[in-house]
Amino acid sequence: MQWTLSFDIPQGETKISHRSSIFSIGTCFSTTIGEKLNERKFPILNNPFGTLFNPVSMAQVMEDAILEMPINTDMMLVRDGLYLHFGMHSDVVAYSQDSLERLIHKKQQQSKQVLEKATHLLITFGTAWVYEYGNSGQIVANCHKQPGELFEKRLLHPDEIQKAFSSFFNILRQINPKVKVLLTVSPVRHTKDGIPENQLSKSVLRLAAHDLTETYDFVEYFPSYEIMMDELRDYRFYKEDLIHPSPQAEDYIWERFKQTWIDPKTYPLIQEFESIKKDLAHRPFNPDSPAHMKFLDNLQKRLEKYSRDFDFSKEMDQLRKQVNYRGK
């Protein structure tokens, strides 16, 4: 008996391999996919400006980075003694204005360096609802828990998204004419806007993504939202908040992404790296047993083998902590 309706996803023209260079930006779902790529040792810069939700803010921070634009200090604020920027997530934070400016400048430089050589740019749209700040009317990426009367909420039009990304793509292609852009709409539900409003927002994002893929031959679409809404049409595939996809759903969408966009030649390495991660998380019944000592020794040899070509420094540190704990 068939319990779900699956659908075909067009294969990506330029597959991702361990020789690729990836820049990822967007929602928490973008972070999730980016982390899965990073864990499997694909070169990626994942959400350097923190979680971003609306497309206009995403295009803005990338364009500013490439053009080395001066940091807009008018968009800075202080909250609980910490300095933040309305154009970025609260993960981008410092204890002084100078420190925040240096931090943002560093992230811009890092982003520009990756965007100049990136083979793939992954962009996840989250919501078309935006907040405009004060008299300037500038769209903010995050309100940072400031009073609601400081902002005006409205819905983006698909043409606004098209315009913002047309400007960014024209600049990007001048410095990186070979980059492949992969758009997706986040399956995370923005229920605080309201259920009908969330559906309206996702419709705007989907239409904008379609327009961009029709306009630019280097832009393609991956249906994360559609997989969640159709292939995983059941609340058991959500976390307890009934908003975010469950780990099982995230793994399912990742597998669909892998089948579509990841070079099959990398699958053996992916499997090996997933096995290493699983072994590192293993908790033995007797940490001092000869069997576990042998297990740790074999794991160390595997890490040393792949460390020649991939960054396993965090995994090596994790293994050392286990060895040191065993030695106490």
C-alpha atoms as a PDB file:
ATOM      1  CA  MET A   1       0.000   0.000   0.000  1.00  0.00           C
ATOM      2  CA  GLN A   2       1.333   3.435  -0.952  1.00  0.00           C
ATOM      3  CA  TRP A   3       1.105   5.930   1.908  1.00  0.00           C
ATOM      4  CA  THR A   4       2.609   8.996   0.234  1.00  0.00           C
ATOM      5  CA  LEU A   5       2.666  10.622  -3.179  1.00  0.00           C
ATOM      6  CA  SER A   6       6.222  11.095  -4.387  1.00  0.00           C
ATOM      7  CA  PHE A   7       7.325  13.209  -7.328  1.00  0.00           C
ATOM      8  CA  ASP A   8      10.346  13.478  -9.567  1.00  0.00           C
ATOM      9  CA  ILE A   9      12.927  16.202  -8.988  1.00  0.00           C
ATOM     10  CA  PRO A  10      15.052  17.283 -11.959  1.00  0.00           C
ATOM     11  CA  GLN A  11      18.692  16.382 -11.577  1.00  0.00           C
ATOM     12  CA  GLY A  12      21.070  19.258 -10.918  1.00  0.00           C
ATOM     13  CA  GLU A  13      23.212  20.078 -13.910  1.00  0.00           C
ATOM     14  CA  THR A  14      26.384  20.809 -11.934  1.00  0.00           C
ATOM     15  CA  LYS A  15      26.720  18.326  -9.095  1.00  0.00           C
ATOM     16  CA  ILE A  16      28.295  19.139  -5.749  1.00  0.00           C
ATOM     17  CA  SER A  17      31.514  17.297  -4.948  1.00  0.00           C
ATOM     18  CA  HIS A  18      34.276  17.637  -2.381  1.00  0.00           C
ATOM     19  CA  ARG A  19      36.075  19.863  -4.889  1.00  0.00           C
ATOM     20  CA  SER A  20      33.162  22.314  -4.879  1.00  0.00           C
ATOM     21  CA  SER A  21      33.031  25.597  -2.982  1.00  0.00           C
ATOM     22  CA  ILE A  22      29.649  26.346  -1.413  1.00  0.00           C
ATOM     23  CA  PHE A  23      28.083  29.468   0.080  1.00  0.00           C
ATOM     24  CA  SER A  24      24.806  28.973   1.958  1.00  0.00           C
ATOM     25  CA  ILE A  25      22.458  31.691   3.188  1.00  0.00           C
ATOM     26  CA  GLY A  26      18.911  31.905   4.511  1.00  0.00           C
ATOM     27  CA  THR A  27      16.695  30.369   7.178  1.00  0.00           C
ATOM     28  CA  CYS A  28      17.397  27.832   9.910  1.00  0.00           C
ATOM     29  CA  PHE A  29      16.620  25.150   7.326  1.00  0.00           C
ATOM     30  CA  SER A  30      19.478  26.540   5.249  1.00  0.00           C
ATOM     31  CA  THR A  31      21.683  26.144   8.322  1.00  0.00           C
ATOM     32  CA  THR A  32      20.499  22.542   8.734  1.00  0.00           C
ATOM     33  CA  ILE A  33      21.361  21.544   5.160  1.00  0.00           C
ATOM     34  CA  GLY A  34      24.617  23.474   5.434  1.00  0.00           C
ATOM     35  CA  GLU A  35      25.545  21.580   8.593  1.00  0.00           C
ATOM     36  CA  LYS A  36      24.847  18.258   6.879  1.00  0.00           C
ATOM     37  CA  LEU A  37      27.155  19.269   4.043  1.00  0.00           C
ATOM     38  CA  ASN A  38      29.794  20.460   6.501  1.00  0.00           C
ATOM     39  CA  GLU A  39      29.619  17.250   8.548  1.00  0.00           C
ATOM     40  CA  ARG A  40      30.302  15.322   5.342  1.00  0.00           C
ATOM     41  CA  LYS A  41      33.310  17.579   4.676  1.00  0.00           C
ATOM     42  CA  PHE A  42      32.010  19.555   1.719  1.00  0.00           C
ATOM     43  CA  PRO A  43      33.692  23.010   1.648  1.00  0.00           C
ATOM     44  CA  ILE A  44      30.986  25.454   2.740  1.00  0.00           C
ATOM     45  CA  LEU A  45      30.521  28.848   4.350  1.00  0.00           C
ATOM     46  CA  ASN A  46      27.201  28.477   6.118  1.00  0.00           C
ATOM     47  CA  ASN A  47      25.059  31.505   7.039  1.00  0.00           C
ATOM     48  CA  PRO A  48      27.909  33.883   7.994  1.00  0.00           C
ATOM     49  CA  PHE A  49      25.414  36.641   8.879  1.00  0.00           C
ATOM     50  CA  GLY A  50      23.238  34.326  10.954  1.00  0.00           C
ATOM     51  CA  THR A  51      19.745  33.101  10.166  1.00  0.00           C
ATOM     52  CA  LEU A  52      17.978  35.360   7.660  1.00  0.00           C
ATOM     53  CA  PHE A  53      14.341  35.001   6.674  1.00  0.00           C
ATOM     54  CA  ASN A  54      13.350  37.445   3.955  1.00  0.00           C
ATOM     55  CA  PRO A  55      14.937  37.394   0.465  1.00  0.00           C
ATOM     56  CA  VAL A  56      15.617  41.143   0.262  1.00  0.00           C
ATOM     57  CA  SER A  57      17.872  41.059   3.338  1.00  0.00           C
ATOM     58  CA  MET A  58      19.719  38.031   1.943  1.00  0.00           C
ATOM     59  CA  ALA A  59      20.433  39.777  -1.352  1.00  0.00           C
ATOM     60  CA  GLN A  60      21.448  42.952   0.489  1.00  0.00           C
ATOM     61  CA  VAL A  61      24.105  41.421   2.757  1.00  0.00           C
ATOM     62  CA  MET A  62      25.673  39.479  -0.112  1.00  0.00           C
ATOM     63  CA  GLU A  63      25.700  42.491  -2.423  1.00  0.00           C
ATOM     64  CA  ASP A  64      27.206  44.682   0.308  1.00  0.00           C
ATOM     65  CA  ALA A  65      29.906  42.074   0.905  1.00  0.00           C
ATOM     66  CA  ILE A  66      30.910  41.843  -2.749  1.00  0.00           C
ATOM     67  CA  LEU A  67      30.918  45.623  -3.238  1.00  0.00           C
ATOM     68  CA  GLU A  68      32.715  46.170   0.102  1.00  0.00           C
ATOM     69  CA  MET A  69      30.060  48.684   1.086  1.00  0.00           C
ATOM     70  CA  PRO A  70      30.527  50.757   4.258  1.00  0.00           C
ATOM     71  CA  ILE A  71      28.627  49.370   7.227  1.00  0.00           C
ATOM     72  CA  ASN A  72      25.375  51.238   7.816  1.00  0.00           C
ATOM     73  CA  THR A  73      25.777  52.334  11.432  1.00  0.00           C
ATOM     74  CA  ASP A  74      22.286  53.850  11.397  1.00  0.00           C
ATOM     75  CA  MET A  75      20.998  50.273  11.493  1.00  0.00           C
ATOM     76  CA  MET A  76      22.903  49.453  14.667  1.00  0.00           C
ATOM     77  CA  LEU A  77      21.268  49.258  18.078  1.00  0.00           C
ATOM     78  CA  VAL A  78      22.095  48.438  21.671  1.00  0.00           C
ATOM     79  CA  ARG A  79      20.084  45.819  23.568  1.00  0.00           C
ATOM     80  CA  ASP A  80      20.975  44.699  27.086  1.00  0.00           C
ATOM     81  CA  GLY A  81      24.474  46.122  26.698  1.00  0.00           C
ATOM     82  CA  LEU A  82      25.084  44.303  23.410  1.00  0.00           C
ATOM     83  CA  TYR A  83      25.486  45.862  19.955  1.00  0.00           C
ATOM     84  CA  LEU A  84      23.423  44.413  17.104  1.00  0.00           C
ATOM     85  CA  HIS A  85      22.594  45.259  13.494  1.00  0.00           C
ATOM     86  CA  PHE A  86      19.084  45.312  12.039  1.00  0.00           C
ATOM     87  CA  GLY A  87      20.429  43.839   8.790  1.00  0.00           C
ATOM     88  CA  MET A  88      21.632  40.638  10.441  1.00  0.00           C
ATOM     89  CA  HIS A  89      20.709  37.985  12.973  1.00  0.00           C
ATOM     90  CA  SER A  90      21.428  38.372  16.697  1.00  0.00           C
ATOM     91  CA  ASP A  91      24.246  35.828  16.293  1.00  0.00           C
ATOM     92  CA  VAL A  92      26.223  38.789  14.912  1.00  0.00           C
ATOM     93  CA  VAL A  93      26.778  40.588  18.212  1.00  0.00           C
ATOM     94  CA  ALA A  94      29.521  42.505  20.050  1.00  0.00           C
ATOM     95  CA  TYR A  95      30.163  44.515  23.212  1.00  0.00           C
ATOM     96  CA  SER A  96      30.890  47.805  21.423  1.00  0.00           C
ATOM     97  CA  GLN A  97      30.121  49.538  18.151  1.00  0.00           C
ATOM     98  CA  ASP A  98      33.740  49.307  17.021  1.00  0.00           C
ATOM     99  CA  SER A  99      33.832  45.588  17.787  1.00  0.00           C
ATOM    100  CA  LEU A 100      30.595  45.025  15.891  1.00  0.00           C
ATOM    101  CA  GLU A 101      31.892  46.952  12.886  1.00  0.00           C
ATOM    102  CA  ARG A 102      35.070  44.860  12.874  1.00  0.00           C
ATOM    103  CA  LEU A 103      33.063  41.654  13.175  1.00  0.00           C
ATOM    104  CA  ILE A 104      30.738  42.569  10.306  1.00  0.00           C
ATOM    105  CA  HIS A 105      33.683  43.686   8.168  1.00  0.00           C
ATOM    106  CA  LYS A 106      35.406  40.346   8.776  1.00  0.00           C
ATOM    107  CA  LYS A 107      32.258  38.455   7.782  1.00  0.00           C
ATOM    108  CA  GLN A 108      31.912  40.586   4.651  1.00  0.00           C
ATOM    109  CA  GLN A 109      35.519  39.879   3.634  1.00  0.00           C
ATOM    110  CA  GLN A 110      35.081  36.168   4.264  1.00  0.00           C
ATOM    111  CA  SER A 111      31.828  36.116   2.297  1.00  0.00           C
ATOM    112  CA  LYS A 112      33.339  37.986  -0.645  1.00  0.00           C
ATOM    113  CA  GLN A 113      36.278  35.584  -0.808  1.00  0.00           C
ATOM    114  CA  VAL A 114      33.962  32.565  -0.926  1.00  0.00           C
ATOM    115  CA  LEU A 115      31.443  34.133  -3.337  1.00  0.00           C
ATOM    116  CA  GLU A 116      34.259  34.998  -5.763  1.00  0.00           C
ATOM    117  CA  LYS A 117      35.167  31.316  -6.167  1.00  0.00           C
ATOM    118  CA  ALA A 118      31.943  29.527  -5.192  1.00  0.00           C
ATOM    119  CA  THR A 119      30.712  26.781  -7.490  1.00  0.00           C
ATOM    120  CA  HIS A 120      27.341  26.683  -5.720  1.00  0.00           C
ATOM    121  CA  LEU A 121      25.271  29.303  -3.919  1.00  0.00           C
ATOM    122  CA  LEU A 122      22.450  27.814  -1.833  1.00  0.00           C
ATOM    123  CA  ILE A 123      19.660  30.256  -0.923  1.00  0.00           C
ATOM    124  CA  THR A 124      16.671  29.379   1.276  1.00  0.00           C
ATOM    125  CA  PHE A 125      13.761  31.829   1.300  1.00  0.00           C
ATOM    126  CA  GLY A 126      11.836  31.831   4.590  1.00  0.00           C
ATOM    127  CA  THR A 127       9.106  34.476   4.534  1.00  0.00           C
ATOM    128  CA  ALA A 128       7.805  37.278   2.335  1.00  0.00           C
ATOM    129  CA  TRP A 129       6.589  39.234   5.366  1.00  0.00           C
ATOM    130  CA  VAL A 130       9.016  42.054   6.142  1.00  0.00           C
ATOM    131  CA  TYR A 131       9.399  44.854   8.658  1.00  0.00           C
ATOM    132  CA  GLU A 132      10.427  48.355   7.605  1.00  0.00           C
ATOM    133  CA  TYR A 133      12.346  50.366  10.179  1.00  0.00           C
ATOM    134  CA  GLY A 134      11.335  53.881  11.213  1.00  0.00           C
ATOM    135  CA  ASN A 135      11.279  56.840   8.873  1.00  0.00           C
ATOM    136  CA  SER A 136      13.998  55.322   6.691  1.00  0.00           C
ATOM    137  CA  GLY A 137      11.676  52.530   5.578  1.00  0.00           C
ATOM    138  CA  GLN A 138      14.610  50.139   5.349  1.00  0.00           C
ATOM    139  CA  ILE A 139      13.734  46.456   5.432  1.00  0.00           C
ATOM    140  CA  VAL A 140      15.288  44.767   8.468  1.00  0.00           C
ATOM    141  CA  ALA A 141      16.476  41.178   8.670  1.00  0.00           C
ATOM    142  CA  ASN A 142      15.644  40.972  12.361  1.00  0.00           C
ATOM    143  CA  CYS A 143      13.710  43.266  14.715  1.00  0.00           C
ATOM    144  CA  HIS A 144      15.869  42.201  17.690  1.00  0.00           C
ATOM    145  CA  LYS A 145      12.871  42.362  20.049  1.00  0.00           C
ATOM    146  CA  GLN A 146      12.485  46.124  19.661  1.00  0.00           C
ATOM    147  CA  PRO A 147       9.066  47.816  20.181  1.00  0.00           C
ATOM    148  CA  GLY A 148       6.588  47.067  17.417  1.00  0.00           C
ATOM    149  CA  GLU A 149       5.774  50.724  16.840  1.00  0.00           C
ATOM    150  CA  LEU A 150       9.253  51.205  15.368  1.00  0.00           C
ATOM    151  CA  PHE A 151       8.348  49.020  12.384  1.00  0.00           C
ATOM    152  CA  GLU A 152       5.810  48.745   9.604  1.00  0.00           C
ATOM    153  CA  LYS A 153       4.924  45.209   8.573  1.00  0.00           C
ATOM    154  CA  ARG A 154       4.030  44.388   4.988  1.00  0.00           C
ATOM    155  CA  LEU A 155       4.174  41.652   2.375  1.00  0.00           C
ATOM    156  CA  LEU A 156       6.833  41.671  -0.318  1.00  0.00           C
ATOM    157  CA  HIS A 157       5.746  41.529  -3.945  1.00  0.00           C
ATOM    158  CA  PRO A 158       7.465  38.951  -6.179  1.00  0.00           C
ATOM    159  CA  ASP A 159       8.749  41.813  -8.351  1.00  0.00           C
ATOM    160  CA  GLU A 160      10.623  43.261  -5.347  1.00  0.00           C
ATOM    161  CA  ILE A 161      12.392  39.964  -4.790  1.00  0.00           C
ATOM    162  CA  GLN A 162      13.151  39.688  -8.497  1.00  0.00           C
ATOM    163  CA  LYS A 163      14.594  43.212  -8.517  1.00  0.00           C
ATOM    164  CA  ALA A 164      16.768  42.647  -5.437  1.00  0.00           C
ATOM    165  CA  PHE A 165      18.251  39.425  -6.793  1.00  0.00           C
ATOM    166  CA  SER A 166      18.620  40.723 -10.334  1.00  0.00           C
ATOM    167  CA  SER A 167      20.858  43.461  -8.935  1.00  0.00           C
ATOM    168  CA  PHE A 168      22.837  40.966  -6.858  1.00  0.00           C
ATOM    169  CA  PHE A 169      23.142  38.350  -9.625  1.00  0.00           C
ATOM    170  CA  ASN A 170      24.437  40.924 -12.110  1.00  0.00           C
ATOM    171  CA  ILE A 171      27.197  41.868  -9.673  1.00  0.00           C
ATOM    172  CA  LEU A 172      27.927  38.276  -8.664  1.00  0.00           C
ATOM    173  CA  ARG A 173      28.305  37.045 -12.240  1.00  0.00           C
ATOM    174  CA  GLN A 174      30.837  39.764 -12.989  1.00  0.00           C
ATOM    175  CA  ILE A 175      33.228  38.317 -10.423  1.00  0.00           C
ATOM    176  CA  ASN A 176      32.121  34.674 -10.696  1.00  0.00           C
ATOM    177  CA  PRO A 177      30.576  33.805 -14.078  1.00  0.00           C
ATOM    178  CA  LYS A 178      30.539  30.041 -13.379  1.00  0.00           C
ATOM    179  CA  VAL A 179      28.569  29.977 -10.127  1.00  0.00           C
ATOM    180  CA  LYS A 180      25.431  27.842  -9.954  1.00  0.00           C
ATOM    181  CA  VAL A 181      22.591  29.222  -7.795  1.00  0.00           C
ATOM    182  CA  LEU A 182      20.199  26.841  -6.080  1.00  0.00           C
ATOM    183  CA  LEU A 183      17.004  28.336  -4.645  1.00  0.00           C
ATOM    184  CA  THR A 184      14.617  26.664  -2.248  1.00  0.00           C
ATOM    185  CA  VAL A 185      11.679  27.705  -0.053  1.00  0.00           C
ATOM    186  CA  SER A 186      11.987  26.722   3.591  1.00  0.00           C
ATOM    187  CA  PRO A 187       9.577  24.044   4.848  1.00  0.00           C
ATOM    188  CA  VAL A 188       9.523  25.763   8.252  1.00  0.00           C
ATOM    189  CA  ARG A 189       6.073  27.252   8.893  1.00  0.00           C
ATOM    190  CA  HIS A 190       5.908  30.871  10.078  1.00  0.00           C
ATOM    191  CA  THR A 191       2.718  30.351  12.040  1.00  0.00           C
ATOM    192  CA  LYS A 192       3.119  33.506  14.160  1.00  0.00           C
ATOM    193  CA  ASP A 193       2.005  35.423  11.052  1.00  0.00           C
ATOM    194  CA  GLY A 194      -1.100  33.217  10.878  1.00  0.00           C
ATOM    195  CA  ILE A 195      -1.764  30.053   8.873  1.00  0.00           C
ATOM    196  CA  PRO A 196      -3.406  31.780   5.865  1.00  0.00           C
ATOM    197  CA  GLU A 197      -0.703  34.463   5.988  1.00  0.00           C
ATOM    198  CA  ASN A 198       2.017  31.816   6.019  1.00  0.00           C
ATOM    199  CA  GLN A 199       0.546  30.178   2.932  1.00  0.00           C
ATOM    200  CA  LEU A 200       0.312  33.550   1.220  1.00  0.00           C
ATOM    201  CA  SER A 201       3.947  34.246   2.078  1.00  0.00           C
ATOM    202  CA  LYS A 202       5.152  30.882   0.777  1.00  0.00           C
ATOM    203  CA  SER A 203       3.202  31.458  -2.440  1.00  0.00           C
ATOM    204  CA  VAL A 204       4.958  34.789  -2.996  1.00  0.00           C
ATOM    205  CA  LEU A 205       8.364  33.166  -2.372  1.00  0.00           C
ATOM    206  CA  ARG A 206       7.604  30.268  -4.680  1.00  0.00           C
ATOM    207  CA  LEU A 207       6.473  32.596  -7.471  1.00  0.00           C
ATOM    208  CA  ALA A 208       9.591  34.751  -7.028  1.00  0.00           C
ATOM    209  CA  ALA A 209      11.821  31.663  -7.133  1.00  0.00           C
ATOM    210  CA  HIS A 210      10.066  30.503 -10.306  1.00  0.00           C
ATOM    211  CA  ASP A 211      10.546  33.903 -11.953  1.00  0.00           C
ATOM    212  CA  LEU A 212      14.253  33.859 -11.103  1.00  0.00           C
ATOM    213  CA  THR A 213      14.753  30.355 -12.532  1.00  0.00           C
ATOM    214  CA  GLU A 214      12.950  31.428 -15.705  1.00  0.00           C
ATOM    215  CA  THR A 215      15.051  34.588 -16.024  1.00  0.00           C
ATOM    216  CA  TYR A 216      18.509  33.156 -15.293  1.00  0.00           C
ATOM    217  CA  ASP A 217      19.820  29.916 -16.754  1.00  0.00           C
ATOM    218  CA  PHE A 218      22.303  29.487 -13.875  1.00  0.00           C
ATOM    219  CA  VAL A 219      19.520  29.473 -11.261  1.00  0.00           C
ATOM    220  CA  GLU A 220      17.707  26.230 -10.347  1.00  0.00           C
ATOM    221  CA  TYR A 221      15.069  25.295  -7.788  1.00  0.00           C
ATOM    222  CA  PHE A 222      15.040  22.500  -5.211  1.00  0.00           C
ATOM    223  CA  PRO A 223      11.559  21.753  -3.778  1.00  0.00           C
ATOM    224  CA  SER A 224      12.195  21.495  -0.015  1.00  0.00           C
ATOM    225  CA  TYR A 225       8.827  23.065   0.763  1.00  0.00           C
ATOM    226  CA  GLU A 226       6.970  20.807  -1.664  1.00  0.00           C
ATOM    227  CA  ILE A 227       8.610  17.672  -0.243  1.00  0.00           C
ATOM    228  CA  MET A 228       7.433  18.642   3.232  1.00  0.00           C
ATOM    229  CA  MET A 229       3.934  19.578   2.112  1.00  0.00           C
ATOM    230  CA  ASP A 230       3.305  16.547  -0.112  1.00  0.00           C
ATOM    231  CA  GLU A 231       5.675  13.631   0.440  1.00  0.00           C
ATOM    232  CA  LEU A 232       5.721  14.242   4.219  1.00  0.00           C
ATOM    233  CA  ARG A 233       2.143  15.428   4.631  1.00  0.00           C
ATOM    234  CA  ASP A 234       1.700  14.438   8.262  1.00  0.00           C
ATOM    235  CA  TYR A 235       2.239  16.179  11.616  1.00  0.00           C
ATOM    236  CA  ARG A 236       4.395  13.278  12.799  1.00  0.00           C
ATOM    237  CA  PHE A 237       7.122  14.722  10.570  1.00  0.00           C
ATOM    238  CA  TYR A 238       7.198  17.941  12.627  1.00  0.00           C
ATOM    239  CA  LYS A 239       8.893  18.677  15.920  1.00  0.00           C
ATOM    240  CA  GLU A 240       6.762  19.240  19.012  1.00  0.00           C
ATOM    241  CA  ASP A 241       6.240  22.890  18.058  1.00  0.00           C
ATOM    242  CA  LEU A 242       4.440  21.698  14.873  1.00  0.00           C
ATOM    243  CA  ILE A 243       6.450  24.309  12.985  1.00  0.00           C
ATOM    244  CA  HIS A 244       9.900  22.880  12.286  1.00  0.00           C
ATOM    245  CA  PRO A 245      10.554  19.625  10.410  1.00  0.00           C
ATOM    246  CA  SER A 246      11.555  16.756  12.678  1.00  0.00           C
ATOM    247  CA  PRO A 247      15.047  15.214  12.442  1.00  0.00           C
ATOM    248  CA  GLN A 248      13.468  12.387  10.464  1.00  0.00           C
ATOM    249  CA  ALA A 249      11.992  14.874   7.982  1.00  0.00           C
ATOM    250  CA  GLU A 250      15.296  16.765   7.744  1.00  0.00           C
ATOM    251  CA  ASP A 251      17.096  13.511   6.958  1.00  0.00           C
ATOM    252  CA  TYR A 252      14.493  12.626   4.331  1.00  0.00           C
ATOM    253  CA  ILE A 253      14.821  15.998   2.583  1.00  0.00           C
ATOM    254  CA  TRP A 254      18.610  15.713   2.819  1.00  0.00           C
ATOM    255  CA  GLU A 255      18.467  12.336   1.059  1.00  0.00           C
ATOM    256  CA  ARG A 256      16.342  13.836  -1.718  1.00  0.00           C
ATOM    257  CA  PHE A 257      18.841  16.689  -1.981  1.00  0.00           C
ATOM    258  CA  LYS A 258      21.741  14.248  -2.096  1.00  0.00           C
ATOM    259  CA  GLN A 259      20.106  12.178  -4.846  1.00  0.00           C
ATOM    260  CA  THR A 260      19.506  15.322  -6.886  1.00  0.00           C
ATOM    261  CA  TRP A 261      22.525  17.536  -6.294  1.00  0.00           C
ATOM    262  CA  ILE A 262      25.405  15.499  -4.849  1.00  0.00           C
ATOM    263  CA  ASP A 263      27.850  13.755  -7.177  1.00  0.00           C
ATOM    264  CA  PRO A 264      27.328   9.967  -6.764  1.00  0.00           C
ATOM    265  CA  LYS A 265      31.103   9.520  -6.830  1.00  0.00           C
ATOM    266  CA  THR A 266      31.180  11.110  -3.375  1.00  0.00           C
ATOM    267  CA  TYR A 267      28.703   8.625  -1.863  1.00  0.00           C
ATOM    268  CA  PRO A 268      31.364   6.186  -0.528  1.00  0.00           C
ATOM    269  CA  LEU A 269      33.111   9.055   1.259  1.00  0.00           C
ATOM    270  CA  ILE A 270      29.794  10.357   2.603  1.00  0.00           C
ATOM    271  CA  GLN A 271      29.026   6.910   3.973  1.00  0.00           C
ATOM    272  CA  GLU A 272      32.449   6.683   5.596  1.00  0.00           C
ATOM    273  CA  PHE A 273      32.167  10.134   7.185  1.00  0.00           C
ATOM    274  CA  GLU A 274      28.681   9.334   8.475  1.00  0.00           C
ATOM    275  CA  SER A 275      30.092   6.134   9.986  1.00  0.00           C
ATOM    276  CA  ILE A 276      32.896   8.081  11.708  1.00  0.00           C
ATOM    277  CA  LYS A 277      30.375  10.511  13.184  1.00  0.00           C
ATOM    278  CA  LYS A 278      28.283   7.603  14.455  1.00  0.00           C
ATOM    279  CA  ASP A 279      31.326   5.915  15.999  1.00  0.00           C
ATOM    280  CA  LEU A 280      32.371   9.139  17.743  1.00  0.00           C
ATOM    281  CA  ALA A 281      28.931   9.297  19.348  1.00  0.00           C
ATOM    282  CA  HIS A 282      29.188   5.690  20.549  1.00  0.00           C
ATOM    283  CA  ARG A 283      28.999   5.236  24.318  1.00  0.00           C
ATOM    284  CA  PRO A 284      30.584   1.949  25.445  1.00  0.00           C
ATOM    285  CA  PHE A 285      29.319  -0.259  28.241  1.00  0.00           C
ATOM    286  CA  ASN A 286      32.872  -0.515  29.610  1.00  0.00           C
ATOM    287  CA  PRO A 287      35.195   2.333  28.505  1.00  0.00           C
ATOM    288  CA  ASP A 288      38.234   0.525  29.936  1.00  0.00           C
ATOM    289  CA  SER A 289      37.703  -2.767  28.145  1.00  0.00           C
ATOM    290  CA  PRO A 290      40.320  -4.025  25.639  1.00  0.00           C
ATOM    291  CA  ALA A 291      37.601  -4.115  22.972  1.00  0.00           C
ATOM    292  CA  HIS A 292      36.832  -0.423  23.392  1.00  0.00           C
ATOM    293  CA  MET A 293      40.541   0.461  23.445  1.00  0.00           C
ATOM    294  CA  LYS A 294      40.897  -1.308  20.112  1.00  0.00           C
ATOM    295  CA  PHE A 295      37.779   0.475  18.823  1.00  0.00           C
ATOM    296  CA  LEU A 296      39.278   3.883  19.698  1.00  0.00           C
ATOM    297  CA  ASP A 297      42.605   2.971  18.132  1.00  0.00           C
ATOM    298  CA  ASN A 298      40.926   1.974  14.842  1.00  0.00           C
ATOM    299  CA  LEU A 299      38.850   5.143  14.894  1.00  0.00           C
ATOM    300  CA  GLN A 300      41.978   7.248  15.368  1.00  0.00           C
ATOM    301  CA  LYS A 301      43.641   5.562  12.384  1.00  0.00           C
ATOM    302  CA  ARG A 302      40.594   6.319  10.220  1.00  0.00           C
ATOM    303  CA  LEU A 303      40.625   9.960  11.282  1.00  0.00           C
ATOM    304  CA  GLU A 304      44.353  10.276  10.597  1.00  0.00           C
ATOM    305  CA  LYS A 305      43.863   8.733   7.167  1.00  0.00           C
ATOM    306  CA  TYR A 306      41.231  11.250   6.072  1.00  0.00           C
ATOM    307  CA  SER A 307      42.850  14.206   7.854  1.00  0.00           C
ATOM    308  CA  ARG A 308      45.351  14.383   5.012  1.00  0.00           C
ATOM    309  CA  ASP A 309      42.644  15.719   2.705  1.00  0.00           C
ATOM    310  CA  PHE A 310      39.861  16.898   5.005  1.00  0.00           C
ATOM    311  CA  ASP A 311      39.560  18.929   8.190  1.00  0.00           C
ATOM    312  CA  PHE A 312      38.907  16.478  11.004  1.00  0.00           C
ATOM    313  CA  SER A 313      40.415  18.656  13.744  1.00  0.00           C
ATOM    314  CA  LYS A 314      37.157  18.830  15.731  1.00  0.00           C
ATOM    315  CA  GLU A 315      36.696  15.083  15.487  1.00  0.00           C
ATOM    316  CA  MET A 316      40.298  14.497  16.593  1.00  0.00           C
ATOM    317  CA  ASP A 317      39.718  16.746  19.616  1.00  0.00           C
ATOM    318  CA  GLN A 318      36.544  14.844  20.424  1.00  0.00           C
ATOM    319  CA  LEU A 319      38.410  11.553  20.230  1.00  0.00           C
ATOM    320  CA  ARG A 320      41.228  12.849  22.455  1.00  0.00           C
ATOM    321  CA  LYS A 321      38.676  13.810  25.107  1.00  0.00           C
ATOM    322  CA  GLN A 322      37.324  10.265  25.061  1.00  0.00           C
ATOM    323  CA  VAL A 323      40.820   8.816  25.334  1.00  0.00           C
ATOM    324  CA  ASN A 324      41.742  11.180  28.184  1.00  0.00           C
ATOM    325  CA  TYR A 325      38.512  10.385  29.979  1.00  0.00           C
ATOM    326  CA  ARG A 326      39.239   6.691  29.654  1.00  0.00           C
ATOM    327  CA  GLY A 327      42.721   7.234  31.086  1.00  0.00           C
ATOM    328  CA  LYS A 328      41.455   8.839  34.296  1.00  0.00           C
END
